Amino acid sequence: MRIVFCGVGALGSTAVVLCRSLGAELRLVDFDRVETKNLAAQAFVKQSLGKNKAEALKVQLLNFWGRKDDALPVRAAADNVAQICAGADLIVDAFDNQASRQVLSAHARAVKLPLVHAALSADGTFGLVRWDERFTPDAEDEPGQATCEGGEHLPFIGLVAAALARTIQDFGKTGVRRDAMVSLSSLSSFGG
């Protein structure tokens, strides 16, 4: 099974680490670079500063767990999404913007690939894991809005990323498509 993780920031990088032993090939996609502010809430080490996030996570997976995964240091767009998702059995969307989510969704629907989305509210009080057929991406409250910075939401990021990783695991084993909603007061799983 090949899983394409699109966006390896807070949710994506944490979910990738949690999925490292699934026996799947992982492809990591992100155009962004690791900044100091990312170290508190994302699965990067200090030596990754200034490096591309997808490439940095690829190196960490190799160094820590001996994994040999793919990294694509690109921004997903309509003109390259087919190449990004080539050979995928599952696409995972952990992007933090509506436009990128819509590009993935349009491609996945066109070629009938399973796509699961993960999202986190900017204030760290609500998280969602939902399959594409039941997901509508929200616009940012403000363009370029920062989310998950400073590590104050790290335990909550971990909960949502764990729900995403379990959803991926269940899909890989049985094909079931469960959604999850996580809030500060509850964790709910439904579907499948």
C-alpha atoms as a PDB file:
ATOM      1  CA  MET A   1       0.000   0.000   0.000  1.00  0.00           C
ATOM      2  CA  ARG A   2       1.259   3.497  -0.855  1.00  0.00           C
ATOM      3  CA  ILE A   3       0.026   6.416   1.254  1.00  0.00           C
ATOM      4  CA  VAL A   4       0.595   9.981   0.041  1.00  0.00           C
ATOM      5  CA  PHE A   5       0.690  12.458   2.939  1.00  0.00           C
ATOM      6  CA  CYS A   6      -0.011  15.959   1.633  1.00  0.00           C
ATOM      7  CA  GLY A   7       1.091  18.498   4.225  1.00  0.00           C
ATOM      8  CA  VAL A   8       3.565  17.433   6.911  1.00  0.00           C
ATOM      9  CA  GLY A   9       3.156  20.249   9.390  1.00  0.00           C
ATOM     10  CA  ALA A  10       1.599  19.755  12.816  1.00  0.00           C
ATOM     11  CA  LEU A  11      -1.050  17.122  12.022  1.00  0.00           C
ATOM     12  CA  GLY A  12       0.705  15.584   9.033  1.00  0.00           C
ATOM     13  CA  SER A  13       4.152  15.112  10.560  1.00  0.00           C
ATOM     14  CA  THR A  14       2.718  13.668  13.766  1.00  0.00           C
ATOM     15  CA  ALA A  15       0.435  11.271  11.861  1.00  0.00           C
ATOM     16  CA  VAL A  16       3.350  10.163   9.636  1.00  0.00           C
ATOM     17  CA  VAL A  17       5.391   9.249  12.713  1.00  0.00           C
ATOM     18  CA  LEU A  18       2.404   7.320  14.105  1.00  0.00           C
ATOM     19  CA  CYS A  19       2.006   5.480  10.759  1.00  0.00           C
ATOM     20  CA  ARG A  20       5.659   4.498  10.458  1.00  0.00           C
ATOM     21  CA  SER A  21       5.060   0.824  11.293  1.00  0.00           C
ATOM     22  CA  LEU A  22       2.007   0.171   9.102  1.00  0.00           C
ATOM     23  CA  GLY A  23       4.043  -1.616   6.455  1.00  0.00           C
ATOM     24  CA  ALA A  24       3.021   0.957   3.840  1.00  0.00           C
ATOM     25  CA  GLU A  25       5.158   3.013   1.484  1.00  0.00           C
ATOM     26  CA  LEU A  26       4.891   6.672   2.465  1.00  0.00           C
ATOM     27  CA  ARG A  27       5.219   9.668   0.153  1.00  0.00           C
ATOM     28  CA  LEU A  28       5.609  12.991   1.964  1.00  0.00           C
ATOM     29  CA  VAL A  29       4.541  16.182   0.170  1.00  0.00           C
ATOM     30  CA  ASP A  30       5.174  19.723   1.427  1.00  0.00           C
ATOM     31  CA  PHE A  31       6.796  22.805  -0.116  1.00  0.00           C
ATOM     32  CA  ASP A  32       7.404  24.604   3.203  1.00  0.00           C
ATOM     33  CA  ARG A  33      10.596  24.847   5.267  1.00  0.00           C
ATOM     34  CA  VAL A  34      11.104  23.989   8.928  1.00  0.00           C
ATOM     35  CA  GLU A  35      11.177  27.130  11.073  1.00  0.00           C
ATOM     36  CA  THR A  36      12.039  27.526  14.755  1.00  0.00           C
ATOM     37  CA  LYS A  37       8.352  28.050  15.581  1.00  0.00           C
ATOM     38  CA  ASN A  38       7.578  24.614  14.055  1.00  0.00           C
ATOM     39  CA  LEU A  39       9.768  22.681  16.495  1.00  0.00           C
ATOM     40  CA  ALA A  40       7.276  22.997  19.361  1.00  0.00           C
ATOM     41  CA  ALA A  41       4.236  21.529  17.588  1.00  0.00           C
ATOM     42  CA  GLN A  42       5.608  19.509  14.664  1.00  0.00           C
ATOM     43  CA  ALA A  43       7.635  16.289  14.552  1.00  0.00           C
ATOM     44  CA  PHE A  44      10.906  17.937  13.514  1.00  0.00           C
ATOM     45  CA  VAL A  45      14.266  18.075  15.263  1.00  0.00           C
ATOM     46  CA  LYS A  46      16.494  21.127  15.602  1.00  0.00           C
ATOM     47  CA  GLN A  47      18.848  19.834  12.889  1.00  0.00           C
ATOM     48  CA  SER A  48      15.954  20.190  10.411  1.00  0.00           C
ATOM     49  CA  LEU A  49      15.801  23.979  10.677  1.00  0.00           C
ATOM     50  CA  GLY A  50      15.814  25.607   7.257  1.00  0.00           C
ATOM     51  CA  LYS A  51      15.271  22.339   5.400  1.00  0.00           C
ATOM     52  CA  ASN A  52      12.208  21.410   3.395  1.00  0.00           C
ATOM     53  CA  LYS A  53       9.635  19.731   5.657  1.00  0.00           C
ATOM     54  CA  ALA A  54       9.048  16.698   3.422  1.00  0.00           C
ATOM     55  CA  GLU A  55      12.781  16.098   2.973  1.00  0.00           C
ATOM     56  CA  ALA A  56      13.509  16.668   6.683  1.00  0.00           C
ATOM     57  CA  LEU A  57      10.840  14.194   7.769  1.00  0.00           C
ATOM     58  CA  LYS A  58      12.113  11.662   5.227  1.00  0.00           C
ATOM     59  CA  VAL A  59      15.607  11.912   6.767  1.00  0.00           C
ATOM     60  CA  GLN A  60      14.213  11.557  10.289  1.00  0.00           C
ATOM     61  CA  LEU A  61      12.226   8.446   9.345  1.00  0.00           C
ATOM     62  CA  LEU A  62      15.399   6.944   7.883  1.00  0.00           C
ATOM     63  CA  ASN A  63      17.661   7.920  10.795  1.00  0.00           C
ATOM     64  CA  PHE A  64      15.293   7.004  13.641  1.00  0.00           C
ATOM     65  CA  TRP A  65      13.462   3.976  12.221  1.00  0.00           C
ATOM     66  CA  GLY A  66      15.355   2.879   9.102  1.00  0.00           C
ATOM     67  CA  ARG A  67      12.447   3.742   6.788  1.00  0.00           C
ATOM     68  CA  LYS A  68      13.080   4.585   3.144  1.00  0.00           C
ATOM     69  CA  ASP A  69      10.214   6.813   2.073  1.00  0.00           C
ATOM     70  CA  ASP A  70       9.690   9.330  -0.739  1.00  0.00           C
ATOM     71  CA  ALA A  71       9.651  13.103  -0.328  1.00  0.00           C
ATOM     72  CA  LEU A  72       8.333  15.675  -2.769  1.00  0.00           C
ATOM     73  CA  PRO A  73       9.271  19.239  -1.799  1.00  0.00           C
ATOM     74  CA  VAL A  74       6.540  20.847  -3.922  1.00  0.00           C
ATOM     75  CA  ARG A  75       3.314  22.790  -3.551  1.00  0.00           C
ATOM     76  CA  ALA A  76       0.324  20.745  -4.684  1.00  0.00           C
ATOM     77  CA  ALA A  77      -1.424  22.398  -7.618  1.00  0.00           C
ATOM     78  CA  ALA A  78      -3.739  21.398 -10.447  1.00  0.00           C
ATOM     79  CA  ASP A  79      -0.783  20.988 -12.832  1.00  0.00           C
ATOM     80  CA  ASN A  80       1.184  18.551 -10.632  1.00  0.00           C
ATOM     81  CA  VAL A  81      -1.355  16.751  -8.427  1.00  0.00           C
ATOM     82  CA  ALA A  82      -1.507  13.741 -10.762  1.00  0.00           C
ATOM     83  CA  GLN A  83       2.256  13.234 -10.448  1.00  0.00           C
ATOM     84  CA  ILE A  84       2.146  13.776  -6.668  1.00  0.00           C
ATOM     85  CA  CYS A  85      -0.555  11.129  -6.241  1.00  0.00           C
ATOM     86  CA  ALA A  86       0.713   8.680  -8.882  1.00  0.00           C
ATOM     87  CA  GLY A  87       0.556   5.111  -7.615  1.00  0.00           C
ATOM     88  CA  ALA A  88      -1.287   6.065  -4.433  1.00  0.00           C
ATOM     89  CA  ASP A  89      -3.688   3.710  -2.707  1.00  0.00           C
ATOM     90  CA  LEU A  90      -4.667   6.427  -0.228  1.00  0.00           C
ATOM     91  CA  ILE A  91      -4.246  10.201  -0.135  1.00  0.00           C
ATOM     92  CA  VAL A  92      -4.065  11.951   3.235  1.00  0.00           C
ATOM     93  CA  ASP A  93      -4.783  15.687   3.323  1.00  0.00           C
ATOM     94  CA  ALA A  94      -3.217  17.500   6.252  1.00  0.00           C
ATOM     95  CA  PHE A  95      -2.948  20.846   4.472  1.00  0.00           C
ATOM     96  CA  ASP A  96      -3.976  24.012   6.279  1.00  0.00           C
ATOM     97  CA  ASN A  97      -5.610  25.843   3.382  1.00  0.00           C
ATOM     98  CA  GLN A  98      -8.776  25.537   1.341  1.00  0.00           C
ATOM     99  CA  ALA A  99      -7.194  25.860  -2.120  1.00  0.00           C
ATOM    100  CA  SER A 100      -4.800  22.914  -1.642  1.00  0.00           C
ATOM    101  CA  ARG A 101      -7.559  20.780  -0.128  1.00  0.00           C
ATOM    102  CA  GLN A 102      -9.784  21.500  -3.145  1.00  0.00           C
ATOM    103  CA  VAL A 103      -7.029  20.523  -5.598  1.00  0.00           C
ATOM    104  CA  LEU A 104      -6.601  17.169  -3.840  1.00  0.00           C
ATOM    105  CA  SER A 105     -10.341  16.582  -3.642  1.00  0.00           C
ATOM    106  CA  ALA A 106     -10.919  17.324  -7.330  1.00  0.00           C
ATOM    107  CA  HIS A 107      -8.119  14.949  -8.323  1.00  0.00           C
ATOM    108  CA  ALA A 108      -9.168  12.162  -5.965  1.00  0.00           C
ATOM    109  CA  ARG A 109     -12.758  12.323  -7.199  1.00  0.00           C
ATOM    110  CA  ALA A 110     -11.705  12.413 -10.850  1.00  0.00           C
ATOM    111  CA  VAL A 111      -9.531   9.293 -10.571  1.00  0.00           C
ATOM    112  CA  LYS A 112     -11.586   7.608  -7.821  1.00  0.00           C
ATOM    113  CA  LEU A 113      -8.824   7.513  -5.192  1.00  0.00           C
ATOM    114  CA  PRO A 114      -9.688   7.385  -1.476  1.00  0.00           C
ATOM    115  CA  LEU A 115      -8.882  10.677   0.283  1.00  0.00           C
ATOM    116  CA  VAL A 116      -9.094  11.404   3.994  1.00  0.00           C
ATOM    117  CA  HIS A 117      -8.833  14.943   5.348  1.00  0.00           C
ATOM    118  CA  ALA A 118      -7.555  16.095   8.745  1.00  0.00           C
ATOM    119  CA  ALA A 119      -8.184  19.587  10.054  1.00  0.00           C
ATOM    120  CA  LEU A 120      -7.598  21.510  13.260  1.00  0.00           C
ATOM    121  CA  SER A 121      -9.212  24.754  14.346  1.00  0.00           C
ATOM    122  CA  ALA A 122      -6.768  27.652  14.759  1.00  0.00           C
ATOM    123  CA  ASP A 123      -7.586  27.940  18.460  1.00  0.00           C
ATOM    124  CA  GLY A 124      -6.862  24.262  19.106  1.00  0.00           C
ATOM    125  CA  THR A 125     -10.321  23.361  20.401  1.00  0.00           C
ATOM    126  CA  PHE A 126     -11.672  21.203  17.573  1.00  0.00           C
ATOM    127  CA  GLY A 127     -10.247  18.644  15.183  1.00  0.00           C
ATOM    128  CA  LEU A 128     -11.738  16.605  12.387  1.00  0.00           C
ATOM    129  CA  VAL A 129     -10.825  13.505  10.396  1.00  0.00           C
ATOM    130  CA  ARG A 130     -13.274  13.034   7.553  1.00  0.00           C
ATOM    131  CA  TRP A 131     -13.387  11.167   4.260  1.00  0.00           C
ATOM    132  CA  ASP A 132     -13.642  13.269   1.121  1.00  0.00           C
ATOM    133  CA  GLU A 133     -17.234  12.404   0.279  1.00  0.00           C
ATOM    134  CA  ARG A 134     -18.285  13.992   3.600  1.00  0.00           C
ATOM    135  CA  PHE A 135     -15.790  16.890   3.800  1.00  0.00           C
ATOM    136  CA  THR A 136     -16.141  20.546   2.849  1.00  0.00           C
ATOM    137  CA  PRO A 137     -13.001  22.644   3.362  1.00  0.00           C
ATOM    138  CA  ASP A 138     -13.421  25.938   5.188  1.00  0.00           C
ATOM    139  CA  ALA A 139     -11.673  29.120   4.148  1.00  0.00           C
ATOM    140  CA  GLU A 140      -9.164  30.625   6.569  1.00  0.00           C
ATOM    141  CA  ASP A 141     -10.523  33.310   8.873  1.00  0.00           C
ATOM    142  CA  GLU A 142      -7.648  35.516   7.684  1.00  0.00           C
ATOM    143  CA  PRO A 143      -5.284  34.808   4.770  1.00  0.00           C
ATOM    144  CA  GLY A 144      -2.072  33.241   6.058  1.00  0.00           C
ATOM    145  CA  GLN A 145      -3.595  32.642   9.473  1.00  0.00           C
ATOM    146  CA  ALA A 146      -1.110  30.925  11.784  1.00  0.00           C
ATOM    147  CA  THR A 147      -2.239  27.703  13.427  1.00  0.00           C
ATOM    148  CA  CYS A 148      -0.640  25.366  15.943  1.00  0.00           C
ATOM    149  CA  GLU A 149       2.261  27.694  16.649  1.00  0.00           C
ATOM    150  CA  GLY A 150       4.231  27.724  19.881  1.00  0.00           C
ATOM    151  CA  GLY A 151       3.264  24.258  21.061  1.00  0.00           C
ATOM    152  CA  GLU A 152       0.339  25.331  23.222  1.00  0.00           C
ATOM    153  CA  HIS A 153      -1.935  22.885  21.391  1.00  0.00           C
ATOM    154  CA  LEU A 154       0.537  19.990  21.262  1.00  0.00           C
ATOM    155  CA  PRO A 155      -1.545  17.509  23.316  1.00  0.00           C
ATOM    156  CA  PHE A 156      -4.603  18.270  21.182  1.00  0.00           C
ATOM    157  CA  ILE A 157      -2.594  17.980  17.955  1.00  0.00           C
ATOM    158  CA  GLY A 158      -1.508  14.562  19.217  1.00  0.00           C
ATOM    159  CA  LEU A 159      -5.126  13.480  19.744  1.00  0.00           C
ATOM    160  CA  VAL A 160      -6.246  14.537  16.270  1.00  0.00           C
ATOM    161  CA  ALA A 161      -3.130  13.047  14.632  1.00  0.00           C
ATOM    162  CA  ALA A 162      -3.731   9.782  16.525  1.00  0.00           C
ATOM    163  CA  ALA A 163      -7.336   9.716  15.284  1.00  0.00           C
ATOM    164  CA  LEU A 164      -6.027  10.263  11.738  1.00  0.00           C
ATOM    165  CA  ALA A 165      -3.408   7.517  12.095  1.00  0.00           C
ATOM    166  CA  ARG A 166      -6.024   5.069  13.417  1.00  0.00           C
ATOM    167  CA  THR A 167      -8.349   5.970  10.535  1.00  0.00           C
ATOM    168  CA  ILE A 168      -5.520   5.239   8.076  1.00  0.00           C
ATOM    169  CA  GLN A 169      -4.693   1.985   9.868  1.00  0.00           C
ATOM    170  CA  ASP A 170      -8.318   0.802   9.811  1.00  0.00           C
ATOM    171  CA  PHE A 171      -8.666   1.677   6.124  1.00  0.00           C
ATOM    172  CA  GLY A 172      -5.469  -0.205   5.280  1.00  0.00           C
ATOM    173  CA  LYS A 173      -6.557  -3.330   7.159  1.00  0.00           C
ATOM    174  CA  THR A 174     -10.270  -3.516   6.371  1.00  0.00           C
ATOM    175  CA  GLY A 175     -11.186  -0.741   3.931  1.00  0.00           C
ATOM    176  CA  VAL A 176     -13.498   0.847   6.512  1.00  0.00           C
ATOM    177  CA  ARG A 177     -13.871   4.641   6.277  1.00  0.00           C
ATOM    178  CA  ARG A 178     -14.452   6.054   9.757  1.00  0.00           C
ATOM    179  CA  ASP A 179     -14.648   9.767  10.479  1.00  0.00           C
ATOM    180  CA  ALA A 180     -13.622  11.290  13.802  1.00  0.00           C
ATOM    181  CA  MET A 181     -14.400  14.541  15.555  1.00  0.00           C
ATOM    182  CA  VAL A 182     -12.226  15.597  18.461  1.00  0.00           C
ATOM    183  CA  SER A 183     -13.007  18.458  20.827  1.00  0.00           C
ATOM    184  CA  LEU A 184     -11.656  19.465  24.205  1.00  0.00           C
ATOM    185  CA  SER A 185     -14.541  17.628  25.844  1.00  0.00           C
ATOM    186  CA  SER A 186     -14.961  14.544  23.649  1.00  0.00           C
ATOM    187  CA  LEU A 187     -13.700  12.197  20.988  1.00  0.00           C
ATOM    188  CA  SER A 188     -16.293  10.754  18.627  1.00  0.00           C
ATOM    189  CA  SER A 189     -15.847   8.188  15.883  1.00  0.00           C
ATOM    190  CA  PHE A 190     -18.536   7.406  13.350  1.00  0.00           C
ATOM    191  CA  GLY A 191     -19.077   5.862   9.960  1.00  0.00           C
ATOM    192  CA  GLY A 192     -17.690   2.747   8.397  1.00  0.00           C
END
